């Protein structure tokens, strides 16, 4: 019989907010730098739509998970270890 360790706790709300900001701010900055001039003549709602169509998936599926894994490694969060053999 093996006992599984409790799951690692999630980061605090403040840390998750910081992680989200660390993903979103540079992504928005780079996207605006690249797409700013070509989209400057478009109406604001269209520019915002284009920006969010890029930033939200990149942050949600790539950057935030990577930052959460890095946070877990740096904070020494417990990772499940294999059960001892008897």
Protein backbone atom coordinates (compact mmCIF):
# COMPACT_ATOMS: atom_id res chain seq x y z
CA UNK A 1 0.00 0.00 0.00
CA UNK A 2 1.39 3.38 -0.89
CA UNK A 3 0.48 6.75 0.48
CA UNK A 4 0.51 9.63 -1.95
CA UNK A 5 1.79 12.94 -0.65
CA UNK A 6 -0.61 15.87 -0.59
CA UNK A 7 -0.58 17.98 -3.74
CA UNK A 8 1.62 21.06 -3.76
CA UNK A 9 -0.27 24.16 -2.78
CA UNK A 10 -1.05 26.76 -5.39
CA UNK A 11 0.80 30.07 -5.29
CA UNK A 12 -0.84 32.91 -3.39
CA UNK A 13 -3.16 35.33 -5.14
CA UNK A 14 -0.47 38.01 -5.08
CA UNK A 15 2.11 35.68 -6.60
CA UNK A 16 -0.33 34.55 -9.31
CA UNK A 17 -1.06 38.20 -10.13
CA UNK A 18 2.68 38.87 -10.45
CA UNK A 19 3.14 35.78 -12.64
CA UNK A 20 0.27 36.89 -14.88
CA UNK A 21 1.74 40.39 -15.15
CA UNK A 22 5.18 38.94 -15.98
CA UNK A 23 3.57 37.04 -18.86
CA UNK A 24 1.19 39.70 -20.14
CA UNK A 25 3.23 42.92 -19.99
CA UNK A 26 6.16 41.83 -22.19
CA UNK A 27 3.81 40.06 -24.60
CA UNK A 28 1.69 43.19 -25.03
CA UNK A 29 4.79 45.37 -25.38
CA UNK A 30 6.34 43.19 -28.08
CA UNK A 31 3.04 42.75 -29.92
CA UNK A 32 2.37 46.49 -29.92
CA UNK A 33 5.92 47.17 -31.08
CA UNK A 34 5.53 44.80 -34.01
CA UNK A 35 1.90 45.46 -34.94
CA UNK A 36 1.61 49.10 -33.84
CA UNK A 37 2.68 50.78 -37.09
CA UNK A 38 0.81 48.46 -39.49
CA UNK A 39 -2.42 48.67 -37.47
CA UNK A 40 -2.24 52.37 -36.57
CA UNK A 41 -4.94 53.34 -39.05
CA UNK A 42 -7.42 50.71 -37.88
CA UNK A 43 -10.17 51.62 -35.41
CA UNK A 44 -9.28 51.07 -31.75
CA UNK A 45 -11.68 48.12 -31.25
CA UNK A 46 -10.12 46.30 -34.21
CA UNK A 47 -6.56 46.94 -32.93
CA UNK A 48 -7.62 45.71 -29.49
CA UNK A 49 -9.18 42.59 -31.00
CA UNK A 50 -6.00 41.79 -32.93
CA UNK A 51 -3.86 42.40 -29.84
CA UNK A 52 -5.97 40.18 -27.59
CA UNK A 53 -6.21 37.42 -30.23
CA UNK A 54 -2.42 37.15 -29.96
CA UNK A 55 -1.70 37.96 -26.31
CA UNK A 56 -4.34 35.86 -24.54
CA UNK A 57 -3.44 32.47 -26.10
CA UNK A 58 0.31 33.08 -25.84
CA UNK A 59 0.04 34.03 -22.17
CA UNK A 60 -2.54 31.37 -21.26
CA UNK A 61 -1.07 28.34 -23.02
CA UNK A 62 2.67 29.06 -23.05
CA UNK A 63 3.95 31.75 -20.73
CA UNK A 64 1.85 31.41 -17.58
CA UNK A 65 2.27 27.60 -17.32
CA UNK A 66 6.03 27.98 -17.83
CA UNK A 67 6.21 30.71 -15.18
CA UNK A 68 4.14 28.61 -12.76
CA UNK A 69 6.52 25.66 -13.23
CA UNK A 70 9.50 27.95 -12.66
CA UNK A 71 7.83 29.37 -9.56
CA UNK A 72 7.26 25.87 -8.20
CA UNK A 73 10.90 24.92 -8.77
CA UNK A 74 12.23 28.12 -7.23
CA UNK A 75 9.94 28.00 -4.21
CA UNK A 76 10.84 24.38 -3.51
CA UNK A 77 7.29 23.12 -3.87
CA UNK A 78 6.99 19.47 -3.04
CA UNK A 79 6.89 17.19 -6.01
CA UNK A 80 5.47 13.70 -5.63
CA UNK A 81 8.18 11.10 -5.24
CA UNK A 82 7.76 7.45 -6.12
CA UNK A 83 6.47 5.24 -3.32
CA UNK A 84 9.17 3.20 -1.58
CA UNK A 85 9.37 -0.42 -2.66
CA UNK A 86 8.84 -3.11 -0.06
